[in-house]
N, C-alpha and C. Protein backbone atom coordinates (compact mmCIF):
# COMPACT_ATOMS: atom_id res chain seq x y z
N MET A 1 83.95 76.94 116.15
CA MET A 1 83.28 77.34 115.26
C MET A 1 84.49 78.06 114.49
N ARG A 2 84.44 78.22 113.25
CA ARG A 2 85.63 78.77 112.49
C ARG A 2 84.94 80.01 111.61
N VAL A 3 85.75 80.91 111.64
CA VAL A 3 85.11 82.36 110.84
C VAL A 3 86.41 82.48 110.02
N ARG A 4 86.22 83.09 108.45
CA ARG A 4 87.09 83.36 107.72
C ARG A 4 87.37 84.97 107.63
N VAL A 5 88.47 85.58 107.86
CA VAL A 5 88.64 87.02 107.92
C VAL A 5 89.53 87.36 106.58
N PHE A 6 88.72 88.17 105.53
CA PHE A 6 89.67 88.71 104.45
C PHE A 6 89.87 90.06 104.72
N PHE A 7 91.06 90.44 104.17
CA PHE A 7 91.83 91.43 104.39
C PHE A 7 91.95 92.00 102.96
N VAL A 8 91.39 93.39 102.46
CA VAL A 8 91.39 94.03 101.54
C VAL A 8 92.36 95.35 101.27
N GLY A 9 92.83 95.36 100.03
CA GLY A 9 93.72 96.78 99.95
C GLY A 9 94.62 97.11 100.71
N GLU A 10 94.80 98.26 101.38
CA GLU A 10 95.92 98.30 102.21
C GLU A 10 95.84 97.48 103.58
N ALA A 11 94.71 97.20 103.98
CA ALA A 11 94.88 96.16 105.00
C ALA A 11 95.42 94.88 104.75
N ALA A 12 95.36 94.24 103.70
CA ALA A 12 95.96 92.96 103.27
C ALA A 12 97.32 93.33 103.37
N SER A 13 97.97 94.15 102.51
CA SER A 13 99.22 94.88 102.37
C SER A 13 100.00 94.67 103.89
N ILE A 14 99.32 95.51 104.78
CA ILE A 14 99.84 95.55 106.23
C ILE A 14 99.86 94.23 106.86
N PHE A 15 98.78 93.71 106.94
CA PHE A 15 98.55 92.34 107.56
C PHE A 15 99.58 91.27 106.80
N GLY A 16 99.79 91.33 105.49
CA GLY A 16 100.83 90.50 104.90
C GLY A 16 100.05 89.09 104.33
N ARG A 17 98.96 89.06 104.73
CA ARG A 17 97.87 87.76 104.04
C ARG A 17 96.86 88.56 103.63
N ARG A 18 96.07 87.75 102.61
CA ARG A 18 94.63 88.06 102.35
C ARG A 18 93.52 87.57 103.19
N PHE A 19 93.95 86.36 103.85
CA PHE A 19 92.99 85.82 104.64
C PHE A 19 93.59 85.05 105.72
N VAL A 20 92.66 84.80 106.87
CA VAL A 20 93.14 84.02 108.18
C VAL A 20 91.77 83.21 108.33
N ASP A 21 91.82 82.24 109.19
CA ASP A 21 90.67 81.45 109.71
C ASP A 21 91.03 81.72 111.30
N VAL A 22 89.91 82.07 111.56
CA VAL A 22 89.80 82.29 113.04
C VAL A 22 88.71 81.32 114.18
N GLU A 23 89.35 80.45 114.94
CA GLU A 23 88.14 79.43 115.50
C GLU A 23 88.19 79.81 116.85
N PHE A 24 86.92 79.43 117.38
CA PHE A 24 86.26 79.67 118.77
C PHE A 24 85.84 78.46 119.21
N ASP A 25 85.45 78.10 120.23
CA ASP A 25 85.01 77.17 121.29
C ASP A 25 83.52 77.45 120.96
N GLU A 26 83.30 78.76 121.27
CA GLU A 26 81.78 78.93 121.36
C GLU A 26 81.14 78.71 119.87
N GLU A 27 79.87 78.68 120.14
CA GLU A 27 78.97 78.56 118.70
C GLU A 27 78.69 79.96 118.00
N GLU A 28 78.53 80.86 118.81
CA GLU A 28 78.29 82.31 118.43
C GLU A 28 79.18 83.30 119.34
N VAL A 29 80.02 84.43 118.60
CA VAL A 29 80.49 85.12 119.26
C VAL A 29 80.02 86.71 118.61
N GLU A 30 80.59 88.01 119.22
CA GLU A 30 80.16 89.06 118.59
C GLU A 30 81.48 89.23 118.31
N LEU A 31 81.25 90.25 116.89
CA LEU A 31 82.45 90.76 116.34
C LEU A 31 83.56 91.33 117.00
N ARG A 32 83.16 92.11 118.09
CA ARG A 32 84.16 92.47 119.30
C ARG A 32 85.50 91.39 119.52
N ARG A 33 84.61 90.17 119.74
CA ARG A 33 85.57 89.14 120.35
C ARG A 33 86.66 88.58 119.06
N LEU A 34 86.04 88.85 117.76
CA LEU A 34 86.87 88.39 116.91
C LEU A 34 87.98 89.46 116.63
N VAL A 35 87.86 90.56 117.02
CA VAL A 35 88.93 91.54 116.88
C VAL A 35 89.76 91.34 118.01
N GLU A 36 89.22 90.84 119.20
CA GLU A 36 90.47 90.37 120.14
C GLU A 36 91.37 89.47 119.69
N LYS A 37 90.71 88.51 119.11
CA LYS A 37 91.35 87.27 118.69
C LYS A 37 92.47 87.94 117.49
N LEU A 38 92.14 88.73 116.57
CA LEU A 38 92.87 89.40 115.72
C LEU A 38 94.10 89.91 116.39
N ARG A 39 93.89 90.51 117.54
CA ARG A 39 94.86 91.49 118.28
C ARG A 39 96.17 90.62 118.54
N GLU A 40 95.71 89.14 118.74
CA GLU A 40 96.99 88.03 119.09
C GLU A 40 98.06 88.07 117.80
N PHE A 41 97.48 88.50 116.65
CA PHE A 41 98.72 88.70 115.64
C PHE A 41 99.64 90.01 115.37
N GLU A 42 100.66 90.01 115.77
CA GLU A 42 101.24 91.22 115.57
C GLU A 42 100.97 92.06 114.27
N SER A 43 100.94 91.25 113.38
CA SER A 43 100.55 91.90 111.90
C SER A 43 99.08 92.65 111.99
N TYR A 44 97.94 92.11 113.17
CA TYR A 44 96.82 92.63 113.37
C TYR A 44 97.31 94.45 113.77
N ARG A 45 97.80 94.05 115.13
CA ARG A 45 98.36 95.18 116.09
C ARG A 45 98.95 96.07 114.74
N ARG A 46 99.86 95.71 114.13
CA ARG A 46 100.65 96.81 113.29
C ARG A 46 99.47 97.39 112.06
N LEU A 47 98.56 96.74 111.70
CA LEU A 47 97.29 97.63 110.92
C LEU A 47 96.64 98.19 111.69
N GLU A 48 96.38 98.31 112.90
CA GLU A 48 95.59 99.13 113.56
C GLU A 48 96.17 100.28 113.92
N GLU A 49 97.43 100.39 114.33
CA GLU A 49 98.61 101.38 114.43
C GLU A 49 98.60 102.50 112.87
N ARG A 50 98.60 101.51 111.88
CA ARG A 50 98.78 102.20 110.44
C ARG A 50 97.38 102.71 109.98
N LEU A 51 96.41 102.55 110.26
CA LEU A 51 95.30 102.88 109.85
C LEU A 51 94.28 103.27 110.85
N ASN A 52 94.09 104.54 110.74
CA ASN A 52 92.93 104.99 111.74
C ASN A 52 91.41 104.70 111.66
N LEU A 53 91.00 103.80 110.58
CA LEU A 53 89.77 103.57 110.45
C LEU A 53 89.79 102.03 109.51
N VAL A 54 89.09 101.19 109.84
CA VAL A 54 88.68 100.23 109.06
C VAL A 54 87.34 99.93 109.36
N TRP A 55 86.77 99.39 107.97
CA TRP A 55 85.39 98.89 108.08
C TRP A 55 85.66 97.18 108.12
N PHE A 56 84.46 96.63 108.85
CA PHE A 56 84.09 95.53 108.90
C PHE A 56 82.68 95.21 108.12
N LEU A 57 82.75 93.94 107.49
CA LEU A 57 81.81 93.77 106.83
C LEU A 57 81.24 92.07 106.98
N VAL A 58 80.41 91.80 107.35
CA VAL A 58 80.11 90.27 107.50
C VAL A 58 79.00 90.10 106.32
N GLY A 59 79.54 89.12 105.35
CA GLY A 59 78.77 88.93 104.16
C GLY A 59 79.10 90.32 103.65
N ASP A 60 77.87 90.91 102.99
CA ASP A 60 78.07 92.11 102.38
C ASP A 60 77.39 93.18 103.10
N LEU A 61 77.20 93.05 104.41
CA LEU A 61 76.75 94.04 105.26
C LEU A 61 77.82 94.73 106.35
N GLN A 62 77.81 96.06 106.18
CA GLN A 62 78.90 96.52 107.24
C GLN A 62 78.33 96.37 108.83
N ALA A 63 79.08 95.74 109.70
CA ALA A 63 78.88 95.12 110.83
C ALA A 63 79.22 96.15 112.23
N ALA A 64 78.78 96.13 113.16
CA ALA A 64 78.95 96.70 114.43
C ALA A 64 79.73 95.57 115.35
N PRO A 65 80.30 96.37 116.35
CA PRO A 65 80.86 95.49 117.25
C PRO A 65 80.00 94.57 117.87
N THR A 66 79.08 94.42 118.06
CA THR A 66 77.92 93.71 118.59
C THR A 66 77.35 92.77 117.57
N THR A 67 77.67 92.85 116.32
CA THR A 67 77.35 91.81 115.39
C THR A 67 77.61 90.60 115.87
N ARG A 68 76.74 89.42 115.83
CA ARG A 68 76.61 88.28 115.99
C ARG A 68 77.41 87.50 114.98
N LEU A 69 78.52 86.41 114.92
CA LEU A 69 79.33 85.74 114.15
C LEU A 69 79.06 84.19 114.45
N ARG A 70 78.63 83.50 113.48
CA ARG A 70 78.24 82.02 113.45
C ARG A 70 79.38 81.29 112.73
N ASP A 71 79.66 79.89 112.93
CA ASP A 71 80.27 79.15 112.22
C ASP A 71 80.15 79.27 110.46
N GLY A 72 81.39 79.54 109.73
CA GLY A 72 81.19 79.90 108.23
C GLY A 72 81.18 81.18 107.90
N ASP A 73 81.09 82.06 109.00
CA ASP A 73 80.79 83.56 108.29
C ASP A 73 82.03 83.97 107.66
N VAL A 74 81.99 84.86 106.83
CA VAL A 74 83.32 85.46 106.15
C VAL A 74 83.02 86.97 106.71
N VAL A 75 83.92 87.37 107.23
CA VAL A 75 84.22 88.81 107.54
C VAL A 75 85.32 89.59 106.63
N THR A 76 85.12 90.79 106.50
CA THR A 76 85.95 91.61 105.48
C THR A 76 86.39 92.56 106.40
N VAL A 77 87.79 92.88 106.31
CA VAL A 77 88.51 94.14 106.83
C VAL A 77 88.69 94.89 105.79
N MET A 78 88.69 96.21 105.79
CA MET A 78 88.86 97.06 104.72
C MET A 78 89.17 98.77 104.94
N PRO A 79 90.11 99.16 104.37
CA PRO A 79 90.24 100.65 104.86
C PRO A 79 89.00 101.15 104.22
N PRO A 80 88.42 102.55 104.84
CA PRO A 80 87.53 103.41 103.98
C PRO A 80 87.74 103.59 102.83
N LEU A 81 86.59 103.57 101.89
CA LEU A 81 86.82 103.75 100.41
C LEU A 81 87.30 105.23 99.80
N TYR A 82 86.72 106.25 100.97
CA TYR A 82 87.29 107.68 100.97
C TYR A 82 87.32 108.01 102.20
N GLU A 83 88.32 109.05 102.70
CA GLU A 83 88.14 109.77 103.96
C GLU A 83 87.56 111.37 103.61
N GLY A 84 86.93 111.96 104.80
CA GLY A 84 86.71 113.30 104.81
C GLY A 84 84.88 113.21 104.33
N GLY A 85 84.60 114.20 104.33
CA GLY A 85 83.12 114.44 104.19
C GLY A 85 82.44 115.06 103.03
């Protein structure tokens, strides 16, 4: 299974690429598993260090760590549009 991950805004600047394809042997995985795979990239670990918070969207919907991903899904990683309340 393959998932395409897009990085937007400052996340793209830090990661150094606009997108990356991530492959899994399983037919379905949870978002938390994708994050584990992304941490294999030094640039993603740097992104986590520099940004206190990022949002994950699957399609157009904000995703939780337990969101199920399937072949062909598009995941977007982006910083919040604003901080504070």
